[in-house]
N, C-alpha and C. Protein backbone atom coordinates (compact mmCIF):
# COMPACT_ATOMS: atom_id res chain seq x y z
N MET A 1 0.85 -1.17 0.00
CA MET A 1 0.00 0.00 0.00
C MET A 1 0.90 1.24 0.00
N PRO A 2 0.62 2.24 -0.84
CA PRO A 2 1.45 3.45 -0.88
C PRO A 2 1.29 4.25 0.39
N ARG A 3 2.37 5.02 0.73
CA ARG A 3 2.37 5.80 1.97
C ARG A 3 1.32 6.89 1.95
N ALA A 4 1.03 7.47 0.85
CA ALA A 4 0.05 8.55 0.78
C ALA A 4 -1.33 8.04 1.18
N SER A 5 -1.67 6.86 0.70
CA SER A 5 -3.00 6.33 1.05
C SER A 5 -3.04 5.88 2.51
N LEU A 6 -1.90 5.46 3.05
CA LEU A 6 -1.83 5.07 4.45
C LEU A 6 -2.03 6.28 5.35
N ARG A 7 -1.39 7.42 5.00
CA ARG A 7 -1.58 8.64 5.79
C ARG A 7 -3.02 9.11 5.74
N SER A 8 -3.62 9.02 4.60
CA SER A 8 -4.99 9.50 4.48
C SER A 8 -5.94 8.63 5.31
N SER A 9 -5.66 7.32 5.37
CA SER A 9 -6.53 6.48 6.20
C SER A 9 -6.32 6.76 7.68
N ASN A 10 -5.06 7.06 8.09
CA ASN A 10 -4.79 7.40 9.49
C ASN A 10 -5.46 8.72 9.85
N GLU A 11 -5.40 9.70 8.95
CA GLU A 11 -6.04 10.99 9.20
C GLU A 11 -7.54 10.82 9.30
N ALA A 12 -8.10 9.93 8.51
CA ALA A 12 -9.55 9.69 8.55
C ALA A 12 -9.94 9.08 9.90
N CYS A 13 -9.09 8.20 10.41
CA CYS A 13 -9.37 7.60 11.73
C CYS A 13 -9.30 8.65 12.82
N ARG A 14 -8.32 9.55 12.76
CA ARG A 14 -8.21 10.60 13.77
C ARG A 14 -9.41 11.53 13.72
N GLU A 15 -9.84 11.85 12.52
CA GLU A 15 -11.01 12.73 12.41
C GLU A 15 -12.23 12.04 12.98
N HIS A 16 -12.35 10.76 12.71
CA HIS A 16 -13.49 10.01 13.23
C HIS A 16 -13.45 9.95 14.76
N GLN A 17 -12.27 9.76 15.34
CA GLN A 17 -12.14 9.70 16.79
C GLN A 17 -12.33 11.06 17.42
N ALA A 18 -12.05 12.14 16.68
CA ALA A 18 -12.23 13.48 17.22
C ALA A 18 -13.69 13.78 17.47
N ASP A 19 -14.57 13.11 16.78
CA ASP A 19 -16.00 13.33 16.97
C ASP A 19 -16.55 12.62 18.21
N LEU A 20 -15.76 11.70 18.77
CA LEU A 20 -16.23 10.97 19.94
C LEU A 20 -16.09 11.81 21.19
N PRO A 21 -17.03 11.69 22.14
CA PRO A 21 -16.90 12.46 23.38
C PRO A 21 -15.74 11.93 24.22
N ALA A 22 -15.17 12.82 25.05
CA ALA A 22 -14.02 12.45 25.87
C ALA A 22 -14.43 11.52 27.02
N GLU A 23 -15.63 11.68 27.55
CA GLU A 23 -16.10 10.85 28.67
C GLU A 23 -16.78 9.60 28.12
N PRO A 24 -16.51 8.46 28.74
CA PRO A 24 -17.19 7.25 28.28
C PRO A 24 -18.68 7.33 28.60
N ALA A 25 -19.46 6.63 27.84
CA ALA A 25 -20.90 6.62 28.07
C ALA A 25 -21.20 5.95 29.41
N ARG A 26 -22.21 6.45 30.10
CA ARG A 26 -22.60 5.86 31.38
C ARG A 26 -23.22 4.48 31.15
N ALA A 27 -22.93 3.61 32.09
CA ALA A 27 -23.53 2.27 31.99
C ALA A 27 -25.01 2.38 32.26
N GLN A 28 -25.77 1.73 31.44
CA GLN A 28 -27.21 1.77 31.63
C GLN A 28 -27.60 0.81 32.74
N ALA A 29 -28.60 1.20 33.49
CA ALA A 29 -29.10 0.34 34.57
C ALA A 29 -29.79 -0.86 33.95
N PRO A 30 -29.64 -2.01 34.56
CA PRO A 30 -30.32 -3.18 34.01
C PRO A 30 -31.83 -2.97 34.07
N PRO A 31 -32.55 -3.58 33.16
CA PRO A 31 -34.00 -3.40 33.15
C PRO A 31 -34.59 -3.96 34.45
N ARG A 32 -35.62 -3.32 34.96
CA ARG A 32 -36.25 -3.76 36.20
C ARG A 32 -37.18 -4.91 35.91
N LEU A 33 -36.80 -6.03 36.42
CA LEU A 33 -37.64 -7.21 36.30
C LEU A 33 -38.01 -7.66 37.70
N PRO A 34 -39.23 -8.10 37.89
CA PRO A 34 -39.59 -8.57 39.24
C PRO A 34 -38.79 -9.82 39.59
N ARG A 35 -38.29 -9.84 40.83
CA ARG A 35 -37.54 -11.00 41.31
C ARG A 35 -38.49 -11.96 42.00
N ALA A 36 -38.37 -13.20 41.66
CA ALA A 36 -39.23 -14.22 42.27
C ALA A 36 -38.72 -14.53 43.67
N HIS A 37 -39.60 -14.94 44.55
CA HIS A 37 -39.28 -15.41 45.90
C HIS A 37 -38.59 -14.33 46.74
N VAL A 38 -39.00 -13.12 46.62
CA VAL A 38 -38.41 -12.05 47.42
C VAL A 38 -39.52 -11.43 48.25
N ASP A 39 -39.25 -11.26 49.53
CA ASP A 39 -40.19 -10.60 50.42
C ASP A 39 -39.78 -9.15 50.53
N HIS A 40 -40.50 -8.26 49.86
CA HIS A 40 -40.13 -6.85 49.83
C HIS A 40 -40.47 -6.13 51.13
N GLY A 41 -41.27 -6.76 52.00
CA GLY A 41 -41.71 -6.08 53.21
C GLY A 41 -40.75 -6.20 54.38
N ARG A 42 -39.70 -7.01 54.30
CA ARG A 42 -38.80 -7.22 55.42
C ARG A 42 -37.40 -6.74 55.08
N LYS A 43 -36.66 -6.32 56.09
CA LYS A 43 -35.28 -5.89 55.90
C LYS A 43 -34.40 -7.11 55.67
N LYS A 44 -33.30 -6.89 54.97
CA LYS A 44 -32.36 -7.98 54.75
C LYS A 44 -31.69 -8.35 56.07
N GLY A 45 -31.51 -9.64 56.30
CA GLY A 45 -30.83 -10.10 57.50
C GLY A 45 -31.72 -10.12 58.74
N ALA A 46 -33.01 -9.81 58.57
CA ALA A 46 -33.89 -9.77 59.73
C ALA A 46 -34.28 -11.17 60.19
N GLY A 47 -34.11 -12.18 59.35
CA GLY A 47 -34.46 -13.54 59.72
C GLY A 47 -35.93 -13.79 59.55
N PRO A 48 -36.38 -15.01 59.79
CA PRO A 48 -37.80 -15.31 59.63
C PRO A 48 -38.62 -14.67 60.74
N PRO A 49 -39.88 -14.42 60.47
CA PRO A 49 -40.72 -13.83 61.51
C PRO A 49 -40.91 -14.80 62.67
N PRO A 50 -41.10 -14.32 63.88
CA PRO A 50 -41.28 -15.24 65.01
C PRO A 50 -42.58 -16.02 64.86
N ARG A 51 -42.54 -17.26 65.32
CA ARG A 51 -43.75 -18.09 65.26
C ARG A 51 -44.68 -17.67 66.38
N GLN A 52 -45.97 -17.72 66.10
CA GLN A 52 -46.95 -17.32 67.08
C GLN A 52 -47.99 -18.41 67.23
N GLY A 53 -48.69 -18.37 68.34
CA GLY A 53 -49.80 -19.27 68.54
C GLY A 53 -49.39 -20.66 68.98
N PRO A 54 -50.29 -21.64 68.80
CA PRO A 54 -50.05 -22.98 69.32
C PRO A 54 -48.93 -23.73 68.61
N GLN A 55 -48.52 -23.29 67.41
CA GLN A 55 -47.46 -24.00 66.72
C GLN A 55 -46.07 -23.59 67.19
N ALA A 56 -45.96 -22.64 68.11
CA ALA A 56 -44.66 -22.20 68.61
C ALA A 56 -43.98 -23.36 69.33
N PRO A 57 -42.65 -23.55 69.14
CA PRO A 57 -41.97 -24.68 69.77
C PRO A 57 -41.94 -24.52 71.29
N GLN A 58 -42.15 -25.63 71.97
CA GLN A 58 -42.17 -25.62 73.43
C GLN A 58 -40.79 -25.92 74.01
N ARG A 59 -39.91 -26.57 73.21
CA ARG A 59 -38.61 -26.99 73.69
C ARG A 59 -37.52 -26.33 72.86
N LEU A 60 -36.41 -26.08 73.47
CA LEU A 60 -35.29 -25.48 72.77
C LEU A 60 -34.79 -26.45 71.70
N ILE A 61 -34.67 -25.97 70.47
CA ILE A 61 -34.22 -26.81 69.37
C ILE A 61 -32.70 -26.93 69.45
N GLN A 62 -32.19 -28.16 69.42
CA GLN A 62 -30.76 -28.42 69.51
C GLN A 62 -30.16 -28.52 68.12
N THR A 63 -28.90 -28.17 68.02
CA THR A 63 -28.19 -28.31 66.75
C THR A 63 -27.60 -29.72 66.66
N LEU A 64 -27.47 -30.20 65.43
CA LEU A 64 -26.92 -31.52 65.20
C LEU A 64 -25.49 -31.40 64.68
N VAL A 65 -24.61 -32.26 65.21
CA VAL A 65 -23.21 -32.31 64.78
C VAL A 65 -22.96 -33.70 64.24
N ARG A 66 -22.33 -33.77 63.09
CA ARG A 66 -22.09 -35.06 62.46
C ARG A 66 -20.87 -35.73 63.07
N LEU A 67 -20.98 -37.02 63.38
CA LEU A 67 -19.86 -37.81 63.89
C LEU A 67 -19.17 -38.45 62.69
N THR A 68 -17.84 -38.35 62.64
CA THR A 68 -17.12 -38.85 61.48
C THR A 68 -15.98 -39.81 61.84
N LYS A 69 -15.50 -39.77 63.06
CA LYS A 69 -14.33 -40.57 63.43
C LYS A 69 -14.74 -41.90 64.05
N ARG A 70 -13.95 -42.90 63.78
CA ARG A 70 -14.22 -44.24 64.29
C ARG A 70 -14.24 -44.25 65.82
N SER A 71 -13.36 -43.48 66.43
CA SER A 71 -13.29 -43.45 67.90
C SER A 71 -14.61 -42.94 68.50
N GLN A 72 -15.28 -42.02 67.81
CA GLN A 72 -16.57 -41.53 68.30
C GLN A 72 -17.61 -42.65 68.26
N PHE A 73 -17.62 -43.43 67.19
CA PHE A 73 -18.56 -44.54 67.07
C PHE A 73 -18.28 -45.60 68.13
N LEU A 74 -17.01 -45.88 68.38
CA LEU A 74 -16.66 -46.89 69.39
C LEU A 74 -17.02 -46.41 70.80
N PHE A 75 -16.90 -45.12 71.07
CA PHE A 75 -17.28 -44.57 72.36
C PHE A 75 -18.78 -44.78 72.60
N ILE A 76 -19.57 -44.55 71.59
CA ILE A 76 -21.03 -44.67 71.73
C ILE A 76 -21.44 -46.13 71.91
N ARG A 77 -20.65 -47.05 71.39
CA ARG A 77 -20.95 -48.46 71.48
C ARG A 77 -21.12 -48.92 72.93
N GLY A 78 -20.44 -48.27 73.86
CA GLY A 78 -20.51 -48.66 75.27
C GLY A 78 -21.71 -48.09 76.01
N GLY A 79 -22.58 -47.36 75.32
CA GLY A 79 -23.72 -46.72 75.97
C GLY A 79 -25.00 -47.55 75.86
N SER A 80 -26.11 -46.85 75.84
CA SER A 80 -27.42 -47.49 75.76
C SER A 80 -27.75 -47.84 74.32
N LYS A 81 -28.65 -48.82 74.16
CA LYS A 81 -28.99 -49.29 72.82
C LYS A 81 -30.42 -49.79 72.82
N THR A 82 -31.12 -49.52 71.74
CA THR A 82 -32.46 -50.07 71.57
C THR A 82 -32.63 -50.50 70.12
N ILE A 83 -33.38 -51.57 69.93
CA ILE A 83 -33.55 -52.16 68.61
C ILE A 83 -35.01 -52.08 68.21
N ARG A 84 -35.24 -51.61 67.00
CA ARG A 84 -36.57 -51.57 66.41
C ARG A 84 -36.52 -52.32 65.08
N GLU A 85 -37.67 -52.48 64.45
CA GLU A 85 -37.73 -53.25 63.21
C GLU A 85 -36.87 -52.65 62.10
N SER A 86 -36.84 -51.32 62.01
CA SER A 86 -36.14 -50.69 60.89
C SER A 86 -34.85 -49.98 61.28
N VAL A 87 -34.54 -49.88 62.57
CA VAL A 87 -33.35 -49.13 62.97
C VAL A 87 -32.87 -49.60 64.34
N ILE A 88 -31.56 -49.54 64.52
CA ILE A 88 -30.95 -49.74 65.83
C ILE A 88 -30.39 -48.39 66.25
N VAL A 89 -30.71 -47.95 67.44
CA VAL A 89 -30.23 -46.66 67.93
C VAL A 89 -29.33 -46.90 69.13
N GLU A 90 -28.09 -46.43 69.02
CA GLU A 90 -27.13 -46.48 70.13
C GLU A 90 -26.90 -45.04 70.57
N ALA A 91 -26.78 -44.83 71.88
CA ALA A 91 -26.60 -43.47 72.39
C ALA A 91 -25.72 -43.49 73.63
N ARG A 92 -24.98 -42.40 73.82
CA ARG A 92 -24.15 -42.25 75.01
C ARG A 92 -23.91 -40.77 75.26
N ARG A 93 -23.95 -40.40 76.54
CA ARG A 93 -23.73 -39.00 76.91
C ARG A 93 -22.26 -38.65 76.75
N ARG A 94 -22.01 -37.52 76.08
CA ARG A 94 -20.67 -37.01 75.86
C ARG A 94 -20.37 -35.86 76.82
N ALA A 95 -21.35 -35.00 77.04
CA ALA A 95 -21.20 -33.83 77.91
C ALA A 95 -22.55 -33.55 78.57
N LEU A 96 -22.53 -32.68 79.58
CA LEU A 96 -23.79 -32.34 80.25
C LEU A 96 -24.68 -31.49 79.36
N THR A 97 -24.10 -30.63 78.56
CA THR A 97 -24.87 -29.80 77.63
C THR A 97 -24.12 -29.76 76.31
N GLY A 98 -24.76 -29.19 75.32
CA GLY A 98 -24.11 -29.03 74.03
C GLY A 98 -24.94 -29.59 72.91
N ALA A 99 -24.31 -29.68 71.76
CA ALA A 99 -24.99 -30.15 70.56
C ALA A 99 -25.24 -31.65 70.63
N ILE A 100 -26.15 -32.10 69.79
CA ILE A 100 -26.45 -33.52 69.67
C ILE A 100 -25.60 -34.08 68.54
N GLY A 101 -24.87 -35.15 68.81
CA GLY A 101 -24.05 -35.78 67.79
C GLY A 101 -24.84 -36.86 67.07
N ILE A 102 -24.66 -36.97 65.77
CA ILE A 102 -25.38 -37.97 64.99
C ILE A 102 -24.42 -38.69 64.06
N GLY A 103 -24.44 -40.00 64.12
CA GLY A 103 -23.65 -40.84 63.22
C GLY A 103 -24.56 -41.86 62.56
N LEU A 104 -24.27 -42.19 61.32
CA LEU A 104 -25.08 -43.13 60.56
C LEU A 104 -24.18 -44.25 60.05
N THR A 105 -24.70 -45.47 60.07
CA THR A 105 -23.92 -46.58 59.55
C THR A 105 -24.86 -47.62 58.94
N ALA A 106 -24.36 -48.27 57.91
CA ALA A 106 -25.09 -49.35 57.26
C ALA A 106 -24.06 -50.38 56.80
N SER A 107 -24.15 -51.59 57.32
CA SER A 107 -23.17 -52.62 56.96
C SER A 107 -23.58 -53.29 55.65
N LYS A 108 -22.73 -54.17 55.16
CA LYS A 108 -23.02 -54.87 53.91
C LYS A 108 -24.16 -55.87 54.07
N LYS A 109 -24.54 -56.17 55.30
CA LYS A 109 -25.69 -57.04 55.53
C LYS A 109 -26.98 -56.38 55.04
N VAL A 110 -26.99 -55.05 55.01
CA VAL A 110 -28.18 -54.30 54.58
C VAL A 110 -28.44 -54.51 53.10
N GLY A 111 -27.39 -54.59 52.30
CA GLY A 111 -27.55 -54.78 50.86
C GLY A 111 -26.38 -54.21 50.10
N ASN A 112 -26.56 -54.03 48.79
CA ASN A 112 -25.48 -53.48 47.99
C ASN A 112 -25.34 -51.99 48.25
N ALA A 113 -24.41 -51.33 47.56
CA ALA A 113 -24.10 -49.93 47.83
C ALA A 113 -25.30 -49.02 47.62
N VAL A 114 -26.09 -49.31 46.61
CA VAL A 114 -27.26 -48.47 46.32
C VAL A 114 -28.25 -48.54 47.48
N ILE A 115 -28.51 -49.73 47.98
CA ILE A 115 -29.46 -49.90 49.08
C ILE A 115 -28.91 -49.30 50.37
N ARG A 116 -27.61 -49.49 50.63
CA ARG A 116 -27.01 -48.90 51.84
C ARG A 116 -27.09 -47.39 51.81
N ASN A 117 -26.80 -46.78 50.67
CA ASN A 117 -26.89 -45.31 50.56
C ASN A 117 -28.31 -44.83 50.74
N ARG A 118 -29.27 -45.54 50.18
CA ARG A 118 -30.68 -45.16 50.36
C ARG A 118 -31.06 -45.24 51.83
N ALA A 119 -30.64 -46.31 52.51
CA ALA A 119 -30.95 -46.47 53.93
C ALA A 119 -30.34 -45.33 54.75
N ARG A 120 -29.08 -44.97 54.46
CA ARG A 120 -28.43 -43.88 55.19
C ARG A 120 -29.13 -42.54 54.93
N ARG A 121 -29.52 -42.29 53.69
CA ARG A 121 -30.22 -41.04 53.37
C ARG A 121 -31.54 -40.95 54.12
N ARG A 122 -32.27 -42.06 54.18
CA ARG A 122 -33.55 -42.06 54.89
C ARG A 122 -33.34 -41.85 56.39
N LEU A 123 -32.32 -42.49 56.95
CA LEU A 123 -32.03 -42.30 58.37
C LEU A 123 -31.60 -40.86 58.67
N ARG A 124 -30.80 -40.28 57.77
CA ARG A 124 -30.34 -38.91 57.95
C ARG A 124 -31.52 -37.94 57.98
N GLU A 125 -32.46 -38.10 57.06
CA GLU A 125 -33.62 -37.22 57.02
C GLU A 125 -34.52 -37.44 58.22
N ALA A 126 -34.70 -38.67 58.64
CA ALA A 126 -35.51 -38.96 59.83
C ALA A 126 -34.86 -38.34 61.07
N ALA A 127 -33.54 -38.43 61.16
CA ALA A 127 -32.83 -37.84 62.31
C ALA A 127 -32.96 -36.32 62.30
N ARG A 128 -32.87 -35.70 61.13
CA ARG A 128 -33.02 -34.24 61.05
C ARG A 128 -34.40 -33.79 61.51
N SER A 129 -35.40 -34.60 61.26
CA SER A 129 -36.75 -34.19 61.65
C SER A 129 -37.08 -34.51 63.11
N LEU A 130 -36.48 -35.54 63.69
CA LEU A 130 -36.87 -35.95 65.05
C LEU A 130 -35.86 -35.62 66.14
N LEU A 131 -34.57 -35.70 65.85
CA LEU A 131 -33.56 -35.52 66.91
C LEU A 131 -33.57 -34.13 67.55
N PRO A 132 -33.76 -33.03 66.81
CA PRO A 132 -33.76 -31.74 67.49
C PRO A 132 -34.83 -31.63 68.57
N ALA A 133 -35.96 -32.30 68.38
CA ALA A 133 -37.03 -32.22 69.37
C ALA A 133 -36.96 -33.31 70.43
N LEU A 134 -36.53 -34.52 70.05
CA LEU A 134 -36.57 -35.66 70.98
C LEU A 134 -35.20 -36.05 71.53
N GLY A 135 -34.13 -35.54 70.94
CA GLY A 135 -32.79 -35.89 71.41
C GLY A 135 -32.44 -35.16 72.69
N VAL A 136 -31.51 -35.71 73.43
CA VAL A 136 -31.04 -35.13 74.69
C VAL A 136 -29.75 -34.35 74.42
N ALA A 137 -29.67 -33.14 74.93
CA ALA A 137 -28.50 -32.29 74.71
C ALA A 137 -27.25 -32.95 75.30
N GLY A 138 -26.15 -32.88 74.56
CA GLY A 138 -24.89 -33.44 75.02
C GLY A 138 -24.75 -34.93 74.81
N VAL A 139 -25.66 -35.52 74.04
CA VAL A 139 -25.65 -36.96 73.81
C VAL A 139 -25.34 -37.22 72.34
N ASP A 140 -24.56 -38.26 72.07
CA ASP A 140 -24.25 -38.68 70.71
C ASP A 140 -25.11 -39.90 70.39
N TYR A 141 -25.68 -39.92 69.19
CA TYR A 141 -26.52 -41.01 68.72
C TYR A 141 -25.90 -41.63 67.47
N VAL A 142 -25.97 -42.94 67.36
CA VAL A 142 -25.60 -43.64 66.14
C VAL A 142 -26.83 -44.41 65.69
N LEU A 143 -27.24 -44.17 64.44
CA LEU A 143 -28.37 -44.88 63.85
C LEU A 143 -27.81 -45.94 62.92
N VAL A 144 -28.13 -47.19 63.22
CA VAL A 144 -27.63 -48.32 62.44
C VAL A 144 -28.77 -48.83 61.57
N ALA A 145 -28.54 -48.86 60.26
CA ALA A 145 -29.56 -49.32 59.33
C ALA A 145 -29.72 -50.83 59.43
N ARG A 146 -30.95 -51.29 59.23
CA ARG A 146 -31.23 -52.72 59.18
C ARG A 146 -31.68 -53.06 57.77
N GLN A 147 -31.91 -54.33 57.49
CA GLN A 147 -32.28 -54.74 56.14
C GLN A 147 -33.60 -54.13 55.68
N THR A 148 -34.48 -53.80 56.59
CA THR A 148 -35.78 -53.23 56.21
C THR A 148 -35.76 -51.71 56.09
N THR A 149 -34.67 -51.04 56.47
CA THR A 149 -34.63 -49.58 56.51
C THR A 149 -34.89 -48.95 55.15
N ALA A 150 -34.34 -49.50 54.09
CA ALA A 150 -34.46 -48.88 52.77
C ALA A 150 -35.85 -49.03 52.17
N ALA A 151 -36.61 -50.05 52.56
CA ALA A 151 -37.89 -50.33 51.91
C ALA A 151 -39.11 -50.07 52.79
N ILE A 152 -38.92 -49.90 54.08
CA ILE A 152 -40.07 -49.73 54.98
C ILE A 152 -40.77 -48.40 54.67
N PRO A 153 -42.09 -48.33 54.80
CA PRO A 153 -42.77 -47.05 54.56
C PRO A 153 -42.26 -45.94 55.47
N TRP A 154 -42.21 -44.73 54.94
CA TRP A 154 -41.64 -43.58 55.66
C TRP A 154 -42.30 -43.34 57.01
N PRO A 155 -43.63 -43.34 57.14
CA PRO A 155 -44.22 -43.12 58.47
C PRO A 155 -43.81 -44.18 59.49
N ARG A 156 -43.63 -45.41 59.03
CA ARG A 156 -43.22 -46.48 59.94
C ARG A 156 -41.79 -46.28 60.42
N LEU A 157 -40.91 -45.82 59.50
CA LEU A 157 -39.52 -45.53 59.89
C LEU A 157 -39.47 -44.41 60.92
N LEU A 158 -40.25 -43.36 60.68
CA LEU A 158 -40.30 -42.25 61.65
C LEU A 158 -40.83 -42.72 62.99
N ASP A 159 -41.83 -43.59 62.97
CA ASP A 159 -42.40 -44.11 64.21
C ASP A 159 -41.39 -44.95 64.98
N ASP A 160 -40.65 -45.81 64.26
CA ASP A 160 -39.64 -46.63 64.91
C ASP A 160 -38.55 -45.77 65.55
N LEU A 161 -38.08 -44.76 64.82
CA LEU A 161 -37.03 -43.90 65.37
C LEU A 161 -37.56 -43.09 66.55
N GLN A 162 -38.77 -42.58 66.44
CA GLN A 162 -39.35 -41.82 67.55
C GLN A 162 -39.49 -42.68 68.80
N ASN A 163 -39.98 -43.89 68.65
CA ASN A 163 -40.12 -44.80 69.80
C ASN A 163 -38.76 -45.12 70.42
N ALA A 164 -37.75 -45.31 69.58
CA ALA A 164 -36.42 -45.61 70.09
C ALA A 164 -35.85 -44.43 70.87
N LEU A 165 -36.03 -43.22 70.36
CA LEU A 165 -35.52 -42.03 71.05
C LEU A 165 -36.23 -41.81 72.38
N ILE A 166 -37.52 -42.04 72.40
CA ILE A 166 -38.29 -41.89 73.65
C ILE A 166 -37.84 -42.94 74.66
N ARG A 167 -37.60 -44.16 74.20
CA ARG A 167 -37.17 -45.25 75.09
C ARG A 167 -35.78 -44.97 75.69
N LEU A 168 -34.88 -44.36 74.91
CA LEU A 168 -33.52 -44.10 75.38
C LEU A 168 -33.42 -42.87 76.30
N ALA A 169 -34.36 -41.97 76.22
CA ALA A 169 -34.27 -40.70 76.96
C ALA A 169 -34.06 -40.88 78.47
N PRO A 170 -34.80 -41.76 79.16
CA PRO A 170 -34.57 -41.89 80.61
C PRO A 170 -33.17 -42.39 80.95
N ASP A 171 -32.62 -43.29 80.14
CA ASP A 171 -31.26 -43.80 80.39
C ASP A 171 -30.22 -42.70 80.26
N LEU A 172 -30.47 -41.74 79.37
CA LEU A 172 -29.49 -40.70 79.09
C LEU A 172 -29.64 -39.49 80.01
N GLU A 173 -30.77 -39.35 80.66
CA GLU A 173 -30.99 -38.21 81.55
C GLU A 173 -30.24 -38.34 82.86
N ASP A 174 -29.78 -39.55 83.21
CA ASP A 174 -29.09 -39.73 84.50
C ASP A 174 -27.69 -39.13 84.51
N ARG A 175 -27.28 -38.51 83.39
CA ARG A 175 -26.04 -37.73 83.27
C ARG A 175 -24.76 -38.55 83.27
N THR A 176 -24.85 -39.87 83.34
CA THR A 176 -23.62 -40.65 83.30
C THR A 176 -23.40 -41.31 81.94
N GLY A 177 -24.48 -41.61 81.24
CA GLY A 177 -24.36 -42.24 79.94
C GLY A 177 -24.27 -43.75 80.01
N ALA A 178 -24.08 -44.29 81.21
CA ALA A 178 -24.00 -45.74 81.36
C ALA A 178 -25.41 -46.32 81.32
N PRO A 179 -25.60 -47.46 80.69
CA PRO A 179 -26.95 -48.04 80.65
C PRO A 179 -27.38 -48.47 82.04
N ARG A 180 -28.66 -48.23 82.32
CA ARG A 180 -29.18 -48.66 83.62
C ARG A 180 -29.41 -50.16 83.60
N ARG A 181 -29.20 -50.78 84.73
CA ARG A 181 -29.40 -52.22 84.81
C ARG A 181 -30.89 -52.50 85.01
N ALA A 182 -31.32 -53.61 84.47
CA ALA A 182 -32.72 -53.99 84.61
C ALA A 182 -33.00 -54.32 86.08
N LYS A 183 -34.19 -53.96 86.51
CA LYS A 183 -34.57 -54.25 87.89
C LYS A 183 -34.85 -55.75 88.03
N ARG A 184 -34.42 -56.28 89.16
CA ARG A 184 -34.59 -57.69 89.43
C ARG A 184 -36.03 -57.94 89.89
N SER A 185 -36.65 -58.95 89.31
CA SER A 185 -38.01 -59.27 89.74
C SER A 185 -37.95 -60.00 91.09
N LYS A 186 -39.05 -60.03 91.77
CA LYS A 186 -39.09 -60.65 93.10
C LYS A 186 -38.94 -62.16 93.02
N SER A 187 -39.26 -62.75 91.87
CA SER A 187 -39.17 -64.20 91.77
C SER A 187 -37.73 -64.68 91.59
N GLN A 188 -36.84 -63.78 91.16
CA GLN A 188 -35.45 -64.17 90.98
C GLN A 188 -34.70 -64.09 92.31
N PRO A 189 -33.88 -65.09 92.58
CA PRO A 189 -33.09 -65.04 93.82
C PRO A 189 -31.98 -64.01 93.68
N PRO A 190 -31.49 -63.45 94.76
CA PRO A 190 -30.40 -62.48 94.69
C PRO A 190 -29.13 -63.18 94.18
N PRO A 191 -28.29 -62.44 93.47
CA PRO A 191 -27.06 -63.08 92.95
C PRO A 191 -26.16 -63.47 94.11
N SER A 192 -25.58 -64.65 94.00
CA SER A 192 -24.66 -65.14 95.03
C SER A 192 -23.24 -64.71 94.71
N ASP A 193 -22.53 -64.27 95.69
CA ASP A 193 -21.15 -63.82 95.50
C ASP A 193 -20.18 -64.89 95.79
C-alpha cells in the first residue's frame, strides 16, 4: 500500500475519533424485572418472623453435629442401645450440655451400595426431623440401618425412630451415659457372690 494512502486512512481515523466524546458513556441500569421469591416487606438479615400461637416450639431446638471418626462410634458403642424393626439406635452421653451428635452406619448385611446409601439417606432425614425435638443435649446417637430400613414405609420408619428415642431418653438423663441395669423381679433369687 502506498504511503500517501496510508496517511490519508490514518487521518480519517483521527477525524473520526475526534467526533467521539471524551467521557465514556454511562452504563445503563439493568431493566427492572420482578424477582421471584423475594419478600419486599422485610429488611435484609432480619431472619424469619417469630412463630406465634399454638405451633410455637415448646422446647429449645438443639443443633446436630455429624460424627465422622471411628473413635466416636466406638465410644457410643458402650452406651445405651435399643432395637426396632427398621433401625438400631445407640446413644451415650458425651457432655452435660451441648450439641447432639449424629452418626449413621449401614453394613453390607443391609444390601449393595445403592441400598445402603438409600438407607443412610432415609435415616439422615428422619434424624433431622426428630432428633432436634426428641434428642437429649450433650448426647451422641448412632443410627444403624437394618435390612428393612431402605424399603419400609416412611411413616413407619419415623415411628420406629421416635419410639427408640423416647425409650432411650430416661437412660441418658441420669447424666452418666452408662446403661441402667434392669430391675430384678421378686421371683429371681439375689445373685450369690
